[in-house]
N, C-alpha and C. Protein backbone atom coordinates (compact mmCIF):
# COMPACT_ATOMS: atom_id res chain seq x y z
N MET A 1 11.19 -0.88 -2.30
CA MET A 1 10.89 -1.83 -1.24
C MET A 1 11.87 -1.61 -0.09
N THR A 2 11.36 -1.55 1.13
CA THR A 2 12.23 -1.33 2.27
C THR A 2 13.02 -2.59 2.59
N ASP A 3 14.12 -2.41 3.31
CA ASP A 3 14.93 -3.56 3.71
C ASP A 3 14.13 -4.53 4.55
N SER A 4 13.29 -3.99 5.47
CA SER A 4 12.53 -4.89 6.34
C SER A 4 11.56 -5.73 5.54
N LEU A 5 10.98 -5.15 4.51
CA LEU A 5 10.08 -5.91 3.66
C LEU A 5 10.87 -6.99 2.90
N LYS A 6 12.06 -6.64 2.44
CA LYS A 6 12.90 -7.63 1.75
C LYS A 6 13.27 -8.77 2.69
N ILE A 7 13.65 -8.43 3.92
CA ILE A 7 14.03 -9.46 4.89
C ILE A 7 12.83 -10.33 5.21
N LYS A 8 11.68 -9.70 5.41
CA LYS A 8 10.46 -10.45 5.72
C LYS A 8 10.13 -11.42 4.58
N GLN A 9 10.16 -10.92 3.35
CA GLN A 9 9.86 -11.78 2.19
C GLN A 9 10.89 -12.89 2.06
N ARG A 10 12.13 -12.57 2.30
CA ARG A 10 13.20 -13.55 2.20
C ARG A 10 13.00 -14.69 3.19
N LEU A 11 12.65 -14.34 4.43
CA LEU A 11 12.43 -15.37 5.45
C LEU A 11 11.14 -16.14 5.19
N GLN A 12 10.12 -15.48 4.70
CA GLN A 12 8.85 -16.16 4.42
C GLN A 12 8.98 -17.16 3.26
N LYS A 13 9.93 -16.94 2.38
CA LYS A 13 10.13 -17.85 1.25
C LYS A 13 10.84 -19.14 1.65
N CYS A 14 11.44 -19.16 2.83
CA CYS A 14 12.15 -20.36 3.29
C CYS A 14 11.16 -21.50 3.46
N LYS A 15 11.47 -22.64 2.85
CA LYS A 15 10.57 -23.80 2.86
C LYS A 15 10.98 -24.88 3.86
N SER A 16 12.14 -24.71 4.48
CA SER A 16 12.62 -25.74 5.40
C SER A 16 13.45 -25.10 6.51
N LYS A 17 13.69 -25.87 7.54
CA LYS A 17 14.53 -25.40 8.64
C LYS A 17 15.95 -25.09 8.12
N GLU A 18 16.44 -25.92 7.21
CA GLU A 18 17.78 -25.72 6.65
C GLU A 18 17.86 -24.41 5.86
N GLU A 19 16.82 -24.13 5.09
CA GLU A 19 16.79 -22.91 4.29
C GLU A 19 16.72 -21.68 5.21
N THR A 20 15.92 -21.77 6.27
CA THR A 20 15.83 -20.68 7.25
C THR A 20 17.19 -20.48 7.91
N PHE A 21 17.84 -21.57 8.29
CA PHE A 21 19.17 -21.54 8.89
C PHE A 21 20.15 -20.79 7.98
N LYS A 22 20.20 -21.18 6.71
CA LYS A 22 21.13 -20.54 5.76
C LYS A 22 20.83 -19.06 5.61
N THR A 23 19.56 -18.71 5.55
CA THR A 23 19.18 -17.30 5.41
C THR A 23 19.59 -16.50 6.65
N LEU A 24 19.38 -17.07 7.83
CA LEU A 24 19.78 -16.38 9.06
C LEU A 24 21.29 -16.19 9.14
N VAL A 25 22.05 -17.19 8.67
CA VAL A 25 23.51 -17.07 8.66
C VAL A 25 23.93 -15.94 7.71
N ILE A 26 23.30 -15.87 6.55
CA ILE A 26 23.61 -14.79 5.60
C ILE A 26 23.26 -13.43 6.22
N LEU A 27 22.08 -13.34 6.83
CA LEU A 27 21.67 -12.09 7.48
C LEU A 27 22.62 -11.71 8.61
N SER A 28 23.12 -12.71 9.34
CA SER A 28 24.00 -12.43 10.49
C SER A 28 25.24 -11.67 10.06
N LYS A 29 25.68 -11.89 8.84
CA LYS A 29 26.89 -11.24 8.34
C LYS A 29 26.67 -9.76 8.06
N THR A 30 25.41 -9.33 8.00
CA THR A 30 25.12 -7.92 7.73
C THR A 30 25.00 -7.09 9.00
N LEU A 31 24.99 -7.73 10.17
CA LEU A 31 24.83 -7.02 11.43
C LEU A 31 26.15 -6.37 11.83
N GLU A 32 26.10 -5.07 12.05
CA GLU A 32 27.29 -4.35 12.51
C GLU A 32 27.60 -4.81 13.93
N ARG A 33 28.81 -5.30 14.14
CA ARG A 33 29.19 -5.83 15.45
C ARG A 33 29.41 -4.69 16.44
N LEU A 34 29.08 -4.93 17.70
CA LEU A 34 29.29 -3.94 18.76
C LEU A 34 30.74 -3.99 19.23
N SER A 35 31.19 -2.86 19.73
CA SER A 35 32.53 -2.80 20.31
C SER A 35 32.52 -3.49 21.67
N ASP A 36 33.69 -3.89 22.14
CA ASP A 36 33.76 -4.56 23.44
C ASP A 36 33.15 -3.72 24.57
N PRO A 37 33.40 -2.38 24.63
CA PRO A 37 32.77 -1.60 25.70
C PRO A 37 31.23 -1.63 25.64
N ASP A 38 30.65 -1.76 24.45
CA ASP A 38 29.19 -1.83 24.32
C ASP A 38 28.65 -3.18 24.78
N LYS A 39 29.52 -4.18 24.86
CA LYS A 39 29.10 -5.51 25.32
C LYS A 39 29.22 -5.59 26.85
N SER A 40 28.60 -4.62 27.50
CA SER A 40 28.65 -4.54 28.96
C SER A 40 27.48 -5.30 29.56
N ASP A 41 27.57 -5.56 30.86
CA ASP A 41 26.47 -6.23 31.57
C ASP A 41 25.20 -5.38 31.50
N GLU A 42 25.37 -4.06 31.51
CA GLU A 42 24.23 -3.15 31.45
C GLU A 42 23.44 -3.32 30.14
N ASN A 43 24.14 -3.64 29.05
CA ASN A 43 23.50 -3.80 27.74
C ASN A 43 23.12 -5.24 27.42
N LYS A 44 23.45 -6.16 28.32
CA LYS A 44 23.18 -7.57 28.07
C LYS A 44 21.72 -7.89 28.41
N ILE A 45 21.08 -8.64 27.51
CA ILE A 45 19.68 -9.03 27.71
C ILE A 45 19.65 -10.29 28.57
N LYS A 46 18.92 -10.21 29.65
CA LYS A 46 18.78 -11.36 30.55
C LYS A 46 17.74 -12.32 29.97
N GLY A 47 17.96 -13.60 30.12
CA GLY A 47 16.98 -14.59 29.68
C GLY A 47 17.26 -15.19 28.31
N CYS A 48 18.35 -14.79 27.68
CA CYS A 48 18.69 -15.35 26.38
C CYS A 48 19.63 -16.55 26.54
N GLU A 49 19.43 -17.55 25.71
CA GLU A 49 20.29 -18.73 25.70
C GLU A 49 21.72 -18.34 25.32
N SER A 50 21.83 -17.47 24.33
CA SER A 50 23.12 -16.94 23.89
C SER A 50 23.31 -15.57 24.53
N ALA A 51 24.55 -15.10 24.55
CA ALA A 51 24.79 -13.74 25.02
C ALA A 51 24.26 -12.78 23.95
N VAL A 52 23.41 -11.85 24.36
CA VAL A 52 22.86 -10.84 23.46
C VAL A 52 22.98 -9.49 24.13
N TRP A 53 23.50 -8.52 23.39
CA TRP A 53 23.63 -7.16 23.87
C TRP A 53 22.78 -6.27 22.98
N LEU A 54 22.10 -5.31 23.60
CA LEU A 54 21.22 -4.43 22.85
C LEU A 54 21.32 -3.03 23.44
N LEU A 55 21.50 -2.05 22.59
CA LEU A 55 21.48 -0.68 23.05
C LEU A 55 20.67 0.18 22.11
N GLU A 56 20.12 1.24 22.69
CA GLU A 56 19.24 2.14 21.95
C GLU A 56 19.86 3.52 21.92
N TYR A 57 19.71 4.20 20.81
CA TYR A 57 20.06 5.61 20.72
C TYR A 57 18.95 6.31 19.96
N LYS A 58 18.83 7.60 20.20
CA LYS A 58 17.73 8.37 19.61
C LYS A 58 18.26 9.35 18.58
N GLU A 59 17.48 9.54 17.56
CA GLU A 59 17.69 10.62 16.59
C GLU A 59 16.38 11.37 16.56
N GLY A 60 16.33 12.48 17.29
CA GLY A 60 15.07 13.19 17.45
C GLY A 60 14.11 12.32 18.24
N GLU A 61 12.94 12.08 17.68
CA GLU A 61 11.94 11.24 18.34
C GLU A 61 12.05 9.77 17.93
N LEU A 62 12.96 9.47 17.02
CA LEU A 62 13.06 8.11 16.49
C LEU A 62 14.10 7.27 17.24
N SER A 63 13.75 6.04 17.48
CA SER A 63 14.64 5.10 18.16
C SER A 63 15.41 4.27 17.15
N HIS A 64 16.65 4.03 17.49
CA HIS A 64 17.49 3.13 16.70
C HIS A 64 18.18 2.20 17.68
N PHE A 65 18.32 0.96 17.28
CA PHE A 65 18.92 -0.04 18.14
C PHE A 65 20.12 -0.66 17.44
N LYS A 66 21.11 -0.99 18.26
CA LYS A 66 22.25 -1.77 17.81
C LYS A 66 22.26 -3.01 18.68
N ALA A 67 22.65 -4.12 18.11
CA ALA A 67 22.64 -5.37 18.86
C ALA A 67 23.77 -6.27 18.39
N ASP A 68 24.09 -7.22 19.22
CA ASP A 68 25.11 -8.21 18.86
C ASP A 68 24.85 -9.46 19.70
N SER A 69 25.41 -10.56 19.26
CA SER A 69 25.30 -11.82 19.98
C SER A 69 26.55 -12.63 19.73
N ASP A 70 26.84 -13.53 20.66
CA ASP A 70 27.97 -14.44 20.45
C ASP A 70 27.56 -15.61 19.55
N ALA A 71 26.28 -15.70 19.21
CA ALA A 71 25.78 -16.79 18.36
C ALA A 71 25.39 -16.25 16.98
N LYS A 72 25.95 -16.86 15.97
CA LYS A 72 25.72 -16.42 14.59
C LYS A 72 24.23 -16.41 14.23
N LEU A 73 23.51 -17.48 14.57
CA LEU A 73 22.09 -17.53 14.22
C LEU A 73 21.28 -16.46 14.93
N MET A 74 21.62 -16.19 16.18
CA MET A 74 20.91 -15.14 16.92
C MET A 74 21.19 -13.79 16.28
N ARG A 75 22.39 -13.59 15.74
CA ARG A 75 22.67 -12.33 15.04
C ARG A 75 21.75 -12.18 13.83
N GLY A 76 21.47 -13.29 13.15
CA GLY A 76 20.53 -13.25 12.03
C GLY A 76 19.13 -12.88 12.49
N VAL A 77 18.70 -13.44 13.62
CA VAL A 77 17.39 -13.09 14.19
C VAL A 77 17.38 -11.62 14.58
N LEU A 78 18.47 -11.14 15.16
CA LEU A 78 18.56 -9.73 15.55
C LEU A 78 18.42 -8.80 14.35
N VAL A 79 19.02 -9.18 13.22
CA VAL A 79 18.88 -8.36 12.00
C VAL A 79 17.40 -8.21 11.67
N ALA A 80 16.67 -9.32 11.72
CA ALA A 80 15.24 -9.28 11.39
C ALA A 80 14.47 -8.42 12.40
N ILE A 81 14.77 -8.57 13.68
CA ILE A 81 14.08 -7.79 14.72
C ILE A 81 14.37 -6.31 14.55
N LEU A 82 15.64 -5.97 14.37
CA LEU A 82 16.01 -4.55 14.26
C LEU A 82 15.39 -3.89 13.03
N GLU A 83 15.25 -4.65 11.96
CA GLU A 83 14.61 -4.09 10.77
C GLU A 83 13.15 -3.73 11.03
N LEU A 84 12.51 -4.43 11.96
CA LEU A 84 11.12 -4.14 12.29
C LEU A 84 10.98 -2.84 13.07
N VAL A 85 11.97 -2.51 13.91
CA VAL A 85 11.79 -1.41 14.87
C VAL A 85 12.67 -0.18 14.63
N ASN A 86 13.78 -0.32 13.95
CA ASN A 86 14.67 0.82 13.78
C ASN A 86 14.01 1.94 12.98
N GLY A 87 14.21 3.17 13.46
CA GLY A 87 13.69 4.33 12.76
C GLY A 87 12.24 4.65 13.07
N LYS A 88 11.70 4.01 14.10
CA LYS A 88 10.32 4.28 14.52
C LYS A 88 10.34 5.01 15.86
N SER A 89 9.26 5.72 16.15
CA SER A 89 9.15 6.38 17.45
C SER A 89 8.81 5.34 18.51
N LYS A 90 9.04 5.70 19.78
CA LYS A 90 8.70 4.79 20.88
C LYS A 90 7.21 4.46 20.85
N ALA A 91 6.37 5.45 20.54
CA ALA A 91 4.92 5.21 20.48
C ALA A 91 4.60 4.18 19.40
N GLN A 92 5.25 4.29 18.24
CA GLN A 92 5.02 3.33 17.16
C GLN A 92 5.48 1.93 17.59
N ILE A 93 6.63 1.86 18.23
CA ILE A 93 7.18 0.57 18.66
C ILE A 93 6.27 -0.07 19.70
N ARG A 94 5.82 0.73 20.67
CA ARG A 94 4.93 0.20 21.71
C ARG A 94 3.60 -0.27 21.13
N ALA A 95 3.15 0.37 20.05
CA ALA A 95 1.87 0.01 19.43
C ALA A 95 1.98 -1.25 18.57
N MET A 96 3.20 -1.67 18.24
CA MET A 96 3.39 -2.84 17.39
C MET A 96 3.15 -4.12 18.18
N ASP A 97 2.63 -5.11 17.49
CA ASP A 97 2.53 -6.45 18.07
C ASP A 97 3.76 -7.21 17.56
N LEU A 98 4.86 -7.03 18.27
CA LEU A 98 6.14 -7.57 17.80
C LEU A 98 6.14 -9.09 17.74
N LYS A 99 5.40 -9.74 18.63
CA LYS A 99 5.34 -11.22 18.60
C LYS A 99 4.69 -11.68 17.30
N THR A 100 3.63 -11.01 16.89
CA THR A 100 2.97 -11.37 15.63
C THR A 100 3.86 -11.04 14.45
N GLU A 101 4.49 -9.87 14.48
CA GLU A 101 5.41 -9.48 13.40
C GLU A 101 6.51 -10.52 13.24
N LEU A 102 7.06 -10.97 14.37
CA LEU A 102 8.12 -11.96 14.34
C LEU A 102 7.60 -13.30 13.85
N ALA A 103 6.40 -13.67 14.25
CA ALA A 103 5.80 -14.93 13.81
C ALA A 103 5.67 -14.96 12.28
N GLU A 104 5.43 -13.79 11.69
CA GLU A 104 5.29 -13.69 10.23
C GLU A 104 6.63 -13.86 9.50
N LEU A 105 7.72 -13.88 10.25
CA LEU A 105 9.05 -14.03 9.64
C LEU A 105 9.46 -15.49 9.45
N ASN A 106 8.56 -16.41 9.81
CA ASN A 106 8.80 -17.83 9.52
C ASN A 106 10.00 -18.39 10.28
N LEU A 107 10.16 -17.97 11.54
CA LEU A 107 11.31 -18.42 12.32
C LEU A 107 10.97 -19.56 13.28
N SER A 108 9.73 -19.99 13.31
CA SER A 108 9.32 -20.99 14.30
C SER A 108 10.11 -22.29 14.20
N SER A 109 10.52 -22.67 13.00
CA SER A 109 11.28 -23.91 12.85
C SER A 109 12.67 -23.78 13.47
N TYR A 110 13.17 -22.57 13.58
CA TYR A 110 14.49 -22.33 14.14
C TYR A 110 14.44 -22.09 15.64
N LEU A 111 13.40 -21.41 16.13
CA LEU A 111 13.37 -20.98 17.51
C LEU A 111 12.92 -22.08 18.46
N THR A 112 13.86 -22.57 19.25
CA THR A 112 13.54 -23.54 20.30
C THR A 112 12.83 -22.80 21.42
N THR A 113 12.31 -23.52 22.39
CA THR A 113 11.61 -22.89 23.50
C THR A 113 12.52 -21.89 24.22
N SER A 114 13.76 -22.30 24.51
CA SER A 114 14.66 -21.40 25.23
C SER A 114 15.04 -20.19 24.37
N ARG A 115 15.22 -20.41 23.06
CA ARG A 115 15.51 -19.27 22.19
C ARG A 115 14.31 -18.35 22.08
N THR A 116 13.10 -18.92 22.04
CA THR A 116 11.89 -18.11 21.98
C THR A 116 11.81 -17.22 23.22
N ASN A 117 12.12 -17.78 24.39
CA ASN A 117 12.12 -16.98 25.61
C ASN A 117 13.11 -15.83 25.52
N GLY A 118 14.27 -16.08 24.94
CA GLY A 118 15.26 -15.03 24.75
C GLY A 118 14.77 -13.96 23.81
N VAL A 119 14.14 -14.37 22.71
CA VAL A 119 13.61 -13.40 21.73
C VAL A 119 12.52 -12.57 22.39
N LEU A 120 11.67 -13.19 23.20
CA LEU A 120 10.63 -12.45 23.90
C LEU A 120 11.24 -11.43 24.87
N ALA A 121 12.35 -11.79 25.50
CA ALA A 121 13.05 -10.85 26.38
C ALA A 121 13.58 -9.66 25.58
N ILE A 122 14.08 -9.92 24.38
CA ILE A 122 14.57 -8.84 23.51
C ILE A 122 13.42 -7.93 23.11
N LEU A 123 12.29 -8.51 22.69
CA LEU A 123 11.13 -7.71 22.28
C LEU A 123 10.62 -6.87 23.44
N SER A 124 10.57 -7.47 24.62
CA SER A 124 10.11 -6.76 25.81
C SER A 124 11.03 -5.57 26.11
N PHE A 125 12.33 -5.80 26.01
CA PHE A 125 13.31 -4.73 26.24
C PHE A 125 13.10 -3.59 25.24
N ILE A 126 12.93 -3.93 23.98
CA ILE A 126 12.76 -2.91 22.93
C ILE A 126 11.51 -2.07 23.20
N GLN A 127 10.42 -2.72 23.58
CA GLN A 127 9.18 -1.98 23.78
C GLN A 127 9.17 -1.19 25.09
N ALA A 128 9.94 -1.62 26.08
CA ALA A 128 9.90 -0.96 27.37
C ALA A 128 11.04 0.01 27.60
N HIS A 129 12.12 -0.17 26.89
CA HIS A 129 13.35 0.58 27.18
C HIS A 129 13.18 2.07 26.89
N ARG A 130 13.76 2.84 27.75
CA ARG A 130 13.78 4.31 27.55
C ARG A 130 15.24 4.73 27.55
N THR A 131 15.57 5.59 26.62
CA THR A 131 16.94 6.11 26.60
C THR A 131 17.08 7.16 27.68
N HIS A 132 18.27 7.36 28.12
CA HIS A 132 18.53 8.33 29.20
C HIS A 132 18.80 9.69 28.62
């Protein structure tokens, strides 16, 4: 079973906002933190309630993303998002319905309107971003 499937199943099993919160906090601890130079304005996602930084690097045709946030819960959400897209080609990522994929992760009880807007900004960045 892939990690993303495990994360998806883990989040789908949450029966309450509190359980989702605890799971996101646990997931947040698994996110590799970015270095201070990577937390630049260039890598900062606009439109997020919390500070979120996202960068992409390529291995051949496959995209990999690293992310960080100043908010623990957002780091947990980032773990879930990155598991959906890491190791896929840009064509595969663009073909994904990331909003639906994210909806299947049972995060609606956690995501406020402003946080949802931030997550949508992250998804938009991932699908549109091109590495240099």
